[in-house]
Amino acid sequence: MRNTSLKSIATKGIIWSAVDKFAVQFGQFVVSILLARILMPEDFGLIGMLTIFIVLSQTFIESGLGIGLIQRQDSTDIDFSTVFVFNLGVSSCFYLLLFFTSPLISTFFNQPQLTDLIRVLGLNLLIIALAIVQRTKLTIAIDFKSIAKSNVIGMVVGGVFGVIAARNGYGVWALVIQTLLGSLATSVSLWVFSNWSPSFAFSKKSFKLLFGYGSKLLIAGLYAQILNNVYNICLGKFYPTASLGYYTKAKSFADLSAGTVVSVIQQVTFPILTSVQDDRAKLVSIYSRLIRMSAFFIIPLMTLIALLAKPIVILLLTEKWVSLIPLLQWMVFARIFFPMSALNMNLLNAVGRSDLFLKVDLSKLPLTILAMAITIPLGVKAMIIGHVVTSALAFLINAYLPGKFYGYGPIQQLKDMLPFLVATIGMSISVFVMTSFIDNLVLQLLLGALLGLVTYLFICWLLKLEEMTEVWSLFLKFKKKIGF
């Protein structure tokens, strides 16, 4: 693939993937605000109790086979059909498992309503499984425009019906309705846009080859999901349901920004990095620029959310969520290195080293267990502070192998991030001073966000950072694309 062609494809992919993620995330953010204003923290806590069971099942269903299809570059129709049949079969098995074990889950948390909740919410496994291959086909073609349309359709359908259900007194079931109808609309759209249907053929040879690659990602995914959601189990078991509701809301707020950036980068860059995996110089060049661009966006964004947490929470969610404020402030810093860590791990997948991906992930297990053992008895805030420490250390661990193989390790990456840290510090000082003299929460939010943006961009301009030029170029291309 020629350099100009690759750059054009990457730029187009980033634009549409960004439209997808930011449009969907903004829509989901608006919906979550509306639902949080209507529902109680306890309702979100009940869904939080079930999260680990759903995400573990989804990880088994996907099993890294979709990523394996992308990484191979020469996948055949029988490969795609094999993955589809596998996804459908495994999703059915896991739904039945959840259906019959739901009374045990309900008893464990001492929440009788969980039995019916998980039996209905578990249907989402079947719905998602039906469209995994369709999404993969579009990703391989770098057709993020169709993926964006599908996700927006799902977000709108799920959001509208979820809010309607909440306003009509359905309580926690409004969250279930939002999830199921949103996933159904997205899956149907992906079928339409992908223009691919399975032959229902299953090849043992194809499965063995794909699973050989994907099995490492499966184990790593299970490990990551368990560690990411084990706090939900502990909070749901030993703390009031509302505490879990505050925790899950703080996590969702932080993931809204960091997770969106990660999702855009991973979705677009994986096929791009895969296509240049044999060209070391080009691979490192693209990879280092992605690290810098991620830091350019995420470091100031997360810091600004922490600075303005009070007006954000009270104005958007009302006073009943005031206990969320300190949790949110710490949680955003726990996610500040998330995009850069994900990029380091994504590189290992792109060059076909899922075995190293697994080893790096498992190497962080003792650190995480130690943090959990220390912080869980101390409460929710202590647990999130533990997240901050472990996420910073995880970044250093994740960046070790890229440094060893490509000469771009944690020290070099931190040096590249330093200008953005300097600009963020300047931004923080200006916003903190300004908000200290203003009591009105609306003015704090509006002026704080505006002053923070202007100050950060001005310092970046003074430092002559090339990311400013790249972002402006992307904006002009997008403006031209949409006809403005």
Protein backbone atom coordinates (compact mmCIF):
# COMPACT_ATOMS: atom_id res chain seq x y z
CA MET A 1 0.00 0.00 0.00
CA ARG A 2 1.55 3.30 -1.03
CA ASN A 3 2.21 5.91 1.64
CA THR A 4 -0.15 8.51 0.15
CA SER A 5 -2.91 5.95 -0.24
CA LEU A 6 -2.38 4.69 3.30
CA LYS A 7 -2.50 8.23 4.69
CA SER A 8 -5.68 8.99 2.75
CA ILE A 9 -7.37 5.81 3.96
CA ALA A 10 -6.25 6.41 7.54
CA THR A 11 -7.46 10.02 7.48
CA LYS A 12 -10.85 9.04 6.08
CA GLY A 13 -11.12 6.21 8.59
CA ILE A 14 -10.23 8.45 11.52
CA ILE A 15 -12.75 11.08 10.43
CA TRP A 16 -15.65 8.64 10.15
CA SER A 17 -14.66 6.66 13.21
CA ALA A 18 -14.46 9.92 15.18
CA VAL A 19 -17.89 10.94 13.88
CA ASP A 20 -19.19 7.54 14.91
CA LYS A 21 -17.70 7.48 18.38
CA PHE A 22 -18.29 11.10 19.32
CA ALA A 23 -21.82 11.17 17.90
CA VAL A 24 -22.75 7.93 19.63
CA GLN A 25 -21.01 8.82 22.86
CA PHE A 26 -22.59 12.28 22.89
CA GLY A 27 -25.99 10.74 22.27
CA GLN A 28 -25.48 8.12 24.96
CA PHE A 29 -24.22 10.82 27.30
CA VAL A 30 -27.39 12.84 26.80
CA VAL A 31 -29.52 9.73 27.31
CA SER A 32 -27.58 8.75 30.45
CA ILE A 33 -28.12 12.24 31.86
CA LEU A 34 -31.85 12.05 31.23
CA LEU A 35 -32.04 8.57 32.76
CA ALA A 36 -29.93 9.58 35.79
CA ARG A 37 -32.23 12.55 36.45
CA ILE A 38 -35.27 10.22 36.42
CA LEU A 39 -33.90 7.03 37.96
CA MET A 40 -32.10 6.46 41.26
CA PRO A 41 -28.46 5.47 41.90
CA GLU A 42 -29.76 2.11 43.13
CA ASP A 43 -31.14 1.33 39.65
CA PHE A 44 -27.70 1.78 38.11
CA GLY A 45 -26.22 -0.28 40.95
CA LEU A 46 -28.45 -3.25 40.12
CA ILE A 47 -27.28 -3.26 36.50
CA GLY A 48 -23.70 -2.85 37.74
CA MET A 49 -24.04 -6.13 39.65
CA LEU A 50 -24.78 -7.96 36.41
CA THR A 51 -22.11 -6.29 34.29
CA ILE A 52 -19.34 -8.79 34.93
CA PHE A 53 -21.51 -11.76 33.93
CA ILE A 54 -22.56 -10.10 30.69
CA VAL A 55 -19.10 -8.86 29.65
CA LEU A 56 -17.42 -12.18 30.45
CA SER A 57 -19.97 -13.94 28.28
CA GLN A 58 -19.40 -11.46 25.47
CA THR A 59 -15.65 -12.01 25.70
CA PHE A 60 -16.11 -15.77 25.31
CA ILE A 61 -18.43 -15.22 22.36
CA GLU A 62 -15.98 -13.00 20.49
CA SER A 63 -12.92 -15.04 21.57
CA GLY A 64 -10.59 -12.78 19.61
CA LEU A 65 -11.70 -14.38 16.34
CA GLY A 66 -12.88 -11.09 14.84
CA ILE A 67 -9.47 -9.55 15.47
CA GLY A 68 -7.92 -12.68 14.00
CA LEU A 69 -9.88 -12.15 10.78
CA ILE A 70 -8.58 -8.59 10.52
CA GLN A 71 -4.99 -9.53 11.34
CA ARG A 72 -4.82 -12.30 8.70
CA GLN A 73 -5.56 -9.87 5.83
CA ASP A 74 -6.39 -12.80 3.48
CA SER A 75 -9.46 -14.23 5.22
CA THR A 76 -11.85 -16.22 3.03
CA ASP A 77 -15.63 -16.50 3.11
CA ILE A 78 -15.38 -19.84 4.89
CA ASP A 79 -13.34 -18.12 7.61
CA PHE A 80 -16.07 -15.53 8.12
CA SER A 81 -18.82 -18.14 8.13
CA THR A 82 -16.89 -20.28 10.62
CA VAL A 83 -16.62 -17.36 13.03
CA PHE A 84 -20.33 -16.54 12.60
CA VAL A 85 -21.40 -20.11 13.43
CA PHE A 86 -19.06 -20.18 16.42
CA ASN A 87 -20.36 -16.86 17.75
CA LEU A 88 -23.97 -17.95 17.41
CA GLY A 89 -23.38 -21.31 19.09
CA VAL A 90 -21.38 -19.95 22.01
CA SER A 91 -23.81 -17.07 22.60
CA SER A 92 -26.69 -19.55 22.86
CA CYS A 93 -24.78 -21.65 25.38
CA PHE A 94 -23.91 -18.69 27.53
CA TYR A 95 -27.43 -17.32 27.48
CA LEU A 96 -28.74 -20.67 28.74
CA LEU A 97 -26.02 -20.70 31.40
CA LEU A 98 -27.04 -17.24 32.62
CA PHE A 99 -30.73 -18.15 32.46
CA PHE A 100 -30.39 -21.17 34.75
CA THR A 101 -27.82 -19.67 37.14
CA SER A 102 -29.67 -16.38 37.59
CA PRO A 103 -31.29 -17.49 40.91
CA LEU A 104 -27.80 -18.17 42.30
CA ILE A 105 -26.60 -14.73 41.24
CA SER A 106 -29.68 -13.18 42.82
CA THR A 107 -29.05 -15.04 46.09
CA PHE A 108 -25.36 -14.04 46.15
CA PHE A 109 -26.21 -10.34 46.01
CA ASN A 110 -29.41 -10.76 48.08
CA GLN A 111 -31.37 -8.94 45.37
CA PRO A 112 -34.41 -11.04 44.27
CA GLN A 113 -35.14 -8.88 41.20
CA LEU A 114 -31.81 -9.84 39.61
CA THR A 115 -33.19 -13.20 38.49
CA ASP A 116 -35.60 -11.71 35.97
CA LEU A 117 -33.23 -8.88 35.08
CA ILE A 118 -30.39 -11.15 33.97
CA ARG A 119 -32.71 -13.50 32.08
CA VAL A 120 -33.97 -10.62 29.97
CA LEU A 121 -30.74 -8.63 29.73
CA GLY A 122 -28.88 -11.80 28.72
CA LEU A 123 -30.75 -11.79 25.39
CA ASN A 124 -28.31 -9.06 24.42
CA LEU A 125 -25.64 -11.76 24.00
CA LEU A 126 -27.60 -13.36 21.16
CA ILE A 127 -28.31 -10.02 19.50
CA ILE A 128 -24.68 -8.88 19.53
CA ALA A 129 -23.37 -12.25 18.33
CA LEU A 130 -25.46 -12.03 15.18
CA ALA A 131 -23.54 -8.99 13.92
CA ILE A 132 -19.93 -9.49 15.06
CA VAL A 133 -18.77 -10.75 11.65
CA GLN A 134 -20.68 -8.02 9.80
CA ARG A 135 -18.89 -5.39 11.86
CA THR A 136 -15.57 -7.14 11.22
CA LYS A 137 -16.17 -7.14 7.45
CA LEU A 138 -16.78 -3.40 7.49
CA THR A 139 -13.71 -2.82 9.67
CA ILE A 140 -11.47 -4.74 7.27
CA ALA A 141 -12.81 -2.62 4.42
CA ILE A 142 -12.16 0.46 6.62
CA ASP A 143 -15.82 1.35 5.95
CA PHE A 144 -16.35 3.25 9.18
CA LYS A 145 -19.05 5.33 7.56
CA SER A 146 -21.42 2.35 7.57
CA ILE A 147 -20.38 1.40 11.09
CA ALA A 148 -21.08 4.98 12.20
CA LYS A 149 -24.57 4.91 10.68
CA SER A 150 -25.36 1.59 12.40
CA ASN A 151 -24.16 2.75 15.79
CA VAL A 152 -26.04 6.05 15.59
CA ILE A 153 -29.25 4.25 14.64
CA GLY A 154 -28.84 1.91 17.61
CA MET A 155 -28.08 4.77 19.98
CA VAL A 156 -31.15 6.75 18.93
CA VAL A 157 -33.55 3.79 19.07
CA GLY A 158 -32.26 2.55 22.44
CA GLY A 159 -32.12 6.03 23.92
CA VAL A 160 -35.61 7.06 22.89
CA PHE A 161 -37.31 3.92 24.18
CA GLY A 162 -35.18 3.87 27.34
CA VAL A 163 -36.14 7.41 28.29
CA ILE A 164 -39.81 6.76 27.48
CA ALA A 165 -39.74 3.68 29.72
CA ALA A 166 -38.06 5.61 32.56
CA ARG A 167 -40.59 8.44 32.38
CA ASN A 168 -43.39 5.89 32.57
CA GLY A 169 -42.12 4.41 35.82
CA TYR A 170 -40.32 1.27 34.60
CA GLY A 171 -37.35 1.95 36.89
CA VAL A 172 -34.34 -0.30 36.32
CA TRP A 173 -36.14 -2.01 33.43
CA ALA A 174 -35.74 1.20 31.43
CA LEU A 175 -31.98 0.49 31.35
CA VAL A 176 -32.65 -3.04 30.10
CA ILE A 177 -35.01 -1.79 27.39
CA GLN A 178 -32.44 0.79 26.28
CA THR A 179 -29.73 -1.87 25.96
CA LEU A 180 -31.77 -4.51 24.12
CA LEU A 181 -33.49 -2.26 21.59
CA GLY A 182 -30.29 -0.32 20.92
CA SER A 183 -28.32 -3.51 20.23
CA LEU A 184 -31.10 -4.90 18.04
CA ALA A 185 -31.27 -1.77 15.88
CA THR A 186 -27.46 -1.70 15.54
CA SER A 187 -27.25 -5.37 14.55
CA VAL A 188 -29.98 -5.07 11.94
CA SER A 189 -28.26 -2.02 10.45
CA LEU A 190 -24.89 -3.81 10.28
CA TRP A 191 -26.52 -6.67 8.36
CA VAL A 192 -27.95 -4.21 5.88
CA PHE A 193 -24.75 -2.20 5.36
CA SER A 194 -22.31 -5.12 5.28
CA ASN A 195 -24.17 -6.88 2.46
CA TRP A 196 -22.85 -10.22 3.73
CA SER A 197 -24.76 -13.24 4.92
CA PRO A 198 -23.31 -16.46 6.32
CA SER A 199 -23.30 -19.79 4.49
CA PHE A 200 -23.46 -21.52 7.92
CA ALA A 201 -20.45 -23.59 6.90
CA PHE A 202 -17.95 -24.45 9.62
CA SER A 203 -14.33 -25.31 8.93
CA LYS A 204 -12.33 -26.98 11.70
CA LYS A 205 -9.11 -25.97 9.95
CA SER A 206 -10.19 -22.34 9.75
CA PHE A 207 -11.35 -22.30 13.36
CA LYS A 208 -8.11 -23.87 14.60
CA LEU A 209 -6.04 -21.30 12.75
CA LEU A 210 -8.08 -18.31 13.94
CA PHE A 211 -8.44 -19.59 17.49
CA GLY A 212 -4.69 -20.15 17.67
CA TYR A 213 -4.34 -16.39 17.39
CA GLY A 214 -7.52 -15.41 19.17
CA SER A 215 -7.15 -17.73 22.18
CA LYS A 216 -4.45 -15.51 23.68
CA LEU A 217 -6.70 -12.50 23.24
CA LEU A 218 -9.57 -14.47 24.80
CA ILE A 219 -7.56 -15.22 27.93
CA ALA A 220 -6.29 -11.64 28.09
CA GLY A 221 -9.82 -10.33 27.56
CA LEU A 222 -11.26 -12.52 30.31
CA TYR A 223 -8.51 -11.46 32.66
CA ALA A 224 -9.03 -7.78 31.86
CA GLN A 225 -12.80 -7.96 32.24
CA ILE A 226 -12.59 -9.82 35.53
CA LEU A 227 -10.20 -7.27 36.99
CA ASN A 228 -12.19 -4.38 35.52
CA ASN A 229 -15.47 -5.59 36.98
CA VAL A 230 -14.50 -7.43 40.15
CA TYR A 231 -14.98 -4.15 42.01
CA ASN A 232 -18.64 -4.28 40.99
CA ILE A 233 -18.98 -7.65 42.68
CA CYS A 234 -17.29 -6.46 45.88
CA LEU A 235 -19.31 -3.25 46.04
CA GLY A 236 -22.54 -5.07 45.24
CA LYS A 237 -21.86 -7.68 47.90
CA PHE A 238 -20.49 -5.61 50.78
CA TYR A 239 -21.72 -2.05 50.20
CA PRO A 240 -25.17 -0.46 49.67
CA THR A 241 -26.54 -0.70 46.13
CA ALA A 242 -26.31 3.10 45.81
CA SER A 243 -22.52 2.95 46.33
CA LEU A 244 -22.20 0.71 43.31
CA GLY A 245 -24.44 3.12 41.41
CA TYR A 246 -22.08 6.03 42.19
CA TYR A 247 -19.06 3.94 41.22
CA THR A 248 -20.50 2.80 37.89
CA LYS A 249 -21.60 6.34 37.04
CA ALA A 250 -18.12 7.74 37.82
CA LYS A 251 -16.60 5.01 35.66
CA SER A 252 -19.01 5.65 32.79
CA PHE A 253 -18.29 9.42 32.88
CA ALA A 254 -14.53 8.80 32.76
CA ASP A 255 -14.85 6.14 30.08
CA LEU A 256 -17.02 8.45 28.00
CA SER A 257 -13.98 10.55 27.12
CA ALA A 258 -11.02 8.18 27.47
CA GLY A 259 -12.96 5.23 26.08
CA THR A 260 -14.09 7.20 23.05
CA VAL A 261 -10.54 8.17 22.16
CA VAL A 262 -9.35 4.57 22.65
CA SER A 263 -12.19 3.17 20.57
CA VAL A 264 -11.48 5.52 17.65
CA ILE A 265 -7.76 4.81 17.75
CA GLN A 266 -8.05 1.04 18.07
CA GLN A 267 -10.75 0.65 15.45
CA VAL A 268 -8.90 2.65 12.82
CA THR A 269 -5.27 1.94 13.62
CA PHE A 270 -5.42 -1.83 14.01
CA PRO A 271 -5.95 -2.55 10.29
CA ILE A 272 -3.56 0.30 9.40
CA LEU A 273 -0.77 -0.93 11.68
CA THR A 274 -1.39 -4.47 10.49
CA SER A 275 -0.89 -3.40 6.86
CA VAL A 276 2.58 -1.92 7.63
CA GLN A 277 3.71 -4.50 10.20
CA ASP A 278 6.66 -5.49 7.98
CA ASP A 279 7.88 -1.90 7.52
CA ARG A 280 9.55 -1.05 10.83
CA ALA A 281 10.25 2.62 10.11
CA LYS A 282 6.72 3.36 8.93
CA LEU A 283 5.20 1.37 11.80
CA VAL A 284 7.14 3.31 14.45
CA SER A 285 6.38 6.63 12.73
CA ILE A 286 2.61 6.02 12.72
CA TYR A 287 2.67 4.56 16.22
CA SER A 288 4.58 7.48 17.80
CA ARG A 289 2.32 10.05 16.15
CA LEU A 290 -0.71 8.24 17.53
CA ILE A 291 0.74 8.34 21.05
CA ARG A 292 1.25 12.11 20.77
CA MET A 293 -2.18 12.72 19.27
CA SER A 294 -3.83 10.68 22.02
CA ALA A 295 -2.00 12.66 24.70
CA PHE A 296 -2.91 15.93 22.95
CA PHE A 297 -6.61 15.20 23.43
CA ILE A 298 -6.94 13.07 26.53
CA ILE A 299 -4.63 14.73 29.09
CA PRO A 300 -6.32 18.17 29.04
CA LEU A 301 -9.81 16.70 28.63
CA MET A 302 -9.60 14.46 31.69
CA THR A 303 -8.00 17.22 33.77
CA LEU A 304 -10.73 19.68 32.80
CA ILE A 305 -13.43 17.20 33.82
CA ALA A 306 -11.80 16.87 37.26
CA LEU A 307 -11.60 20.66 37.66
CA LEU A 308 -15.26 21.13 36.73
CA ALA A 309 -16.65 17.98 38.37
CA LYS A 310 -18.89 19.86 40.83
CA PRO A 311 -20.89 21.91 38.28
CA ILE A 312 -20.95 18.95 35.87
CA VAL A 313 -22.51 16.59 38.42
CA ILE A 314 -24.94 18.98 40.12
CA LEU A 315 -26.19 20.69 36.96
CA LEU A 316 -26.50 17.55 34.86
CA LEU A 317 -27.51 14.90 37.38
CA THR A 318 -29.09 17.00 40.19
CA GLU A 319 -28.19 17.15 43.89
CA LYS A 320 -29.06 13.49 44.51
CA TRP A 321 -25.77 12.56 42.80
CA VAL A 322 -23.55 14.94 44.83
CA SER A 323 -21.65 12.00 46.38
CA LEU A 324 -20.38 11.27 42.89
CA ILE A 325 -18.18 14.41 42.70
CA PRO A 326 -15.00 13.22 44.51
CA LEU A 327 -15.28 9.80 42.88
CA LEU A 328 -15.43 11.33 39.42
CA GLN A 329 -12.44 13.57 40.10
CA TRP A 330 -10.26 10.59 40.95
CA MET A 331 -11.68 8.29 38.29
CA VAL A 332 -10.78 10.60 35.39
CA PHE A 333 -7.14 10.54 36.49
CA ALA A 334 -7.34 6.75 36.67
CA ARG A 335 -8.18 6.85 32.95
CA ILE A 336 -5.69 9.50 31.83
CA PHE A 337 -3.10 6.99 30.54
CA PHE A 338 -5.75 4.61 29.21
CA PRO A 339 -5.52 5.56 25.50
CA MET A 340 -1.72 5.40 25.42
CA SER A 341 -1.69 2.07 27.25
CA ALA A 342 -4.24 0.69 24.80
CA LEU A 343 -2.10 1.81 21.85
CA ASN A 344 0.91 -0.04 23.21
CA MET A 345 -1.11 -3.22 23.54
CA ASN A 346 -2.79 -2.71 20.17
CA LEU A 347 0.63 -2.66 18.52
CA LEU A 348 1.35 -6.17 19.77
CA ASN A 349 -1.89 -7.43 18.25
CA ALA A 350 -1.25 -5.65 14.97
CA VAL A 351 2.11 -7.38 14.47
CA GLY A 352 0.59 -10.77 15.32
CA ARG A 353 2.06 -11.13 18.83
CA SER A 354 -1.09 -11.94 20.76
CA ASP A 355 1.07 -14.23 22.91
CA LEU A 356 3.01 -11.22 24.18
CA PHE A 357 -0.24 -9.32 24.62
CA LEU A 358 -1.34 -12.05 27.03
CA LYS A 359 1.98 -12.18 28.89
CA VAL A 360 2.04 -8.40 29.39
CA ASP A 361 -1.54 -8.41 30.68
CA LEU A 362 -0.90 -11.27 33.09
CA SER A 363 2.25 -9.60 34.40
CA LYS A 364 0.06 -6.87 35.92
CA LEU A 365 -2.03 -9.33 37.94
CA PRO A 366 -0.04 -9.19 41.22
CA LEU A 367 -0.13 -5.39 41.16
CA THR A 368 -3.89 -5.32 40.71
CA ILE A 369 -4.55 -7.94 43.39
CA LEU A 370 -2.41 -5.99 45.87
CA ALA A 371 -4.30 -2.76 45.13
CA MET A 372 -7.64 -4.52 45.57
CA ALA A 373 -6.60 -6.13 48.84
CA ILE A 374 -5.55 -2.77 50.25
CA THR A 375 -8.36 -0.54 48.99
CA ILE A 376 -11.59 -2.58 48.92
CA PRO A 377 -12.01 -2.58 52.74
CA LEU A 378 -11.39 1.19 52.79
CA GLY A 379 -14.34 2.20 50.59
CA VAL A 380 -15.19 3.38 47.10
CA LYS A 381 -12.91 6.45 47.04
CA ALA A 382 -9.89 4.42 48.14
CA MET A 383 -10.61 1.86 45.42
CA ILE A 384 -10.59 4.54 42.75
CA ILE A 385 -7.35 6.05 44.09
CA GLY A 386 -5.94 2.55 43.75
CA HIS A 387 -7.04 2.67 40.10
CA VAL A 388 -4.99 5.83 39.61
CA VAL A 389 -1.81 4.20 40.91
CA THR A 390 -2.24 0.90 39.04
CA SER A 391 -3.16 2.59 35.74
CA ALA A 392 0.02 4.68 35.82
CA LEU A 393 2.13 1.61 36.54
CA ALA A 394 0.24 -0.36 33.88
CA PHE A 395 1.20 2.24 31.28
CA LEU A 396 4.88 1.76 32.10
CA ILE A 397 4.50 -2.03 31.84
CA ASN A 398 2.55 -1.86 28.57
CA ALA A 399 5.16 0.43 27.00
CA TYR A 400 8.09 -1.84 27.87
CA LEU A 401 7.91 -4.23 24.90
CA PRO A 402 7.41 -1.51 22.27
CA GLY A 403 10.54 0.05 23.73
CA LYS A 404 12.42 -3.23 23.55
CA PHE A 405 11.37 -4.11 20.00
CA TYR A 406 11.03 -0.70 18.36
CA GLY A 407 13.05 1.70 20.51
CA TYR A 408 9.98 3.66 21.57
CA GLY A 409 9.43 2.78 25.22
CA PRO A 410 7.97 4.52 28.28
CA ILE A 411 10.72 7.14 28.62
CA GLN A 412 10.45 8.21 24.99
CA GLN A 413 6.66 8.24 25.17
CA LEU A 414 6.62 10.33 28.34
CA LYS A 415 9.00 12.80 26.70
CA ASP A 416 6.58 13.11 23.80
CA MET A 417 3.75 13.74 26.25
CA LEU A 418 5.64 16.35 28.26
CA PRO A 419 4.57 19.39 26.15
CA PHE A 420 0.92 18.45 26.59
CA LEU A 421 1.42 18.06 30.35
CA VAL A 422 2.97 21.54 30.48
CA ALA A 423 0.04 23.01 28.51
CA THR A 424 -2.42 21.20 30.78
CA ILE A 425 -0.78 22.58 33.93
CA GLY A 426 -1.12 26.10 32.54
CA MET A 427 -4.75 25.40 31.69
CA SER A 428 -5.43 24.01 35.18
CA ILE A 429 -4.03 27.08 36.93
CA SER A 430 -6.18 29.45 34.89
CA VAL A 431 -9.37 27.42 35.38
CA PHE A 432 -8.78 26.91 39.12
CA VAL A 433 -8.19 30.62 39.73
CA MET A 434 -11.23 31.63 37.68
CA THR A 435 -13.64 29.17 39.35
CA SER A 436 -12.39 30.21 42.81
CA PHE A 437 -13.93 33.64 42.29
CA ILE A 438 -17.26 32.45 40.81
CA ASP A 439 -20.00 30.80 42.87
CA ASN A 440 -22.57 30.34 40.10
CA LEU A 441 -22.31 26.75 38.88
CA VAL A 442 -23.53 27.52 35.35
CA LEU A 443 -20.86 30.19 34.92
CA GLN A 444 -18.24 27.90 36.43
CA LEU A 445 -19.01 25.23 33.85
CA LEU A 446 -19.34 27.47 30.79
CA LEU A 447 -16.48 29.88 31.51
CA GLY A 448 -14.27 27.14 32.91
CA ALA A 449 -14.64 24.99 29.80
CA LEU A 450 -14.10 27.96 27.47
CA LEU A 451 -11.12 29.34 29.38
CA GLY A 452 -9.59 25.87 29.66
CA LEU A 453 -9.87 25.22 25.92
CA VAL A 454 -8.51 28.62 24.91
CA THR A 455 -5.63 28.50 27.41
CA TYR A 456 -4.60 24.98 26.43
CA LEU A 457 -4.66 25.66 22.69
CA PHE A 458 -2.81 28.95 23.16
CA ILE A 459 0.01 27.28 25.09
CA CYS A 460 0.19 24.50 22.47
CA TRP A 461 0.46 27.21 19.81
CA LEU A 462 3.24 28.94 21.74
CA LEU A 463 5.08 25.62 21.98
CA LYS A 464 4.59 25.16 18.19
CA LEU A 465 3.23 21.63 18.56
CA GLU A 466 2.61 19.92 15.23
CA GLU A 467 -0.56 18.29 16.55
CA MET A 468 -2.28 21.67 16.27
CA THR A 469 -1.63 21.67 12.52
CA GLU A 470 -2.75 18.04 12.12
CA VAL A 471 -6.00 18.61 13.99
CA TRP A 472 -6.75 21.72 11.95
CA SER A 473 -6.05 19.80 8.74
CA LEU A 474 -8.42 17.02 9.81
CA PHE A 475 -11.08 19.60 10.65
CA LEU A 476 -10.80 21.21 7.20
CA LYS A 477 -11.04 17.83 5.49
CA PHE A 478 -14.10 16.92 7.52
CA LYS A 479 -15.66 20.33 6.79
CA LYS A 480 -15.10 19.77 3.09
CA LYS A 481 -16.44 16.23 3.32
CA ILE A 482 -19.76 17.28 4.82
CA GLY A 483 -20.10 20.21 2.43
CA PHE A 484 -19.74 23.21 4.79
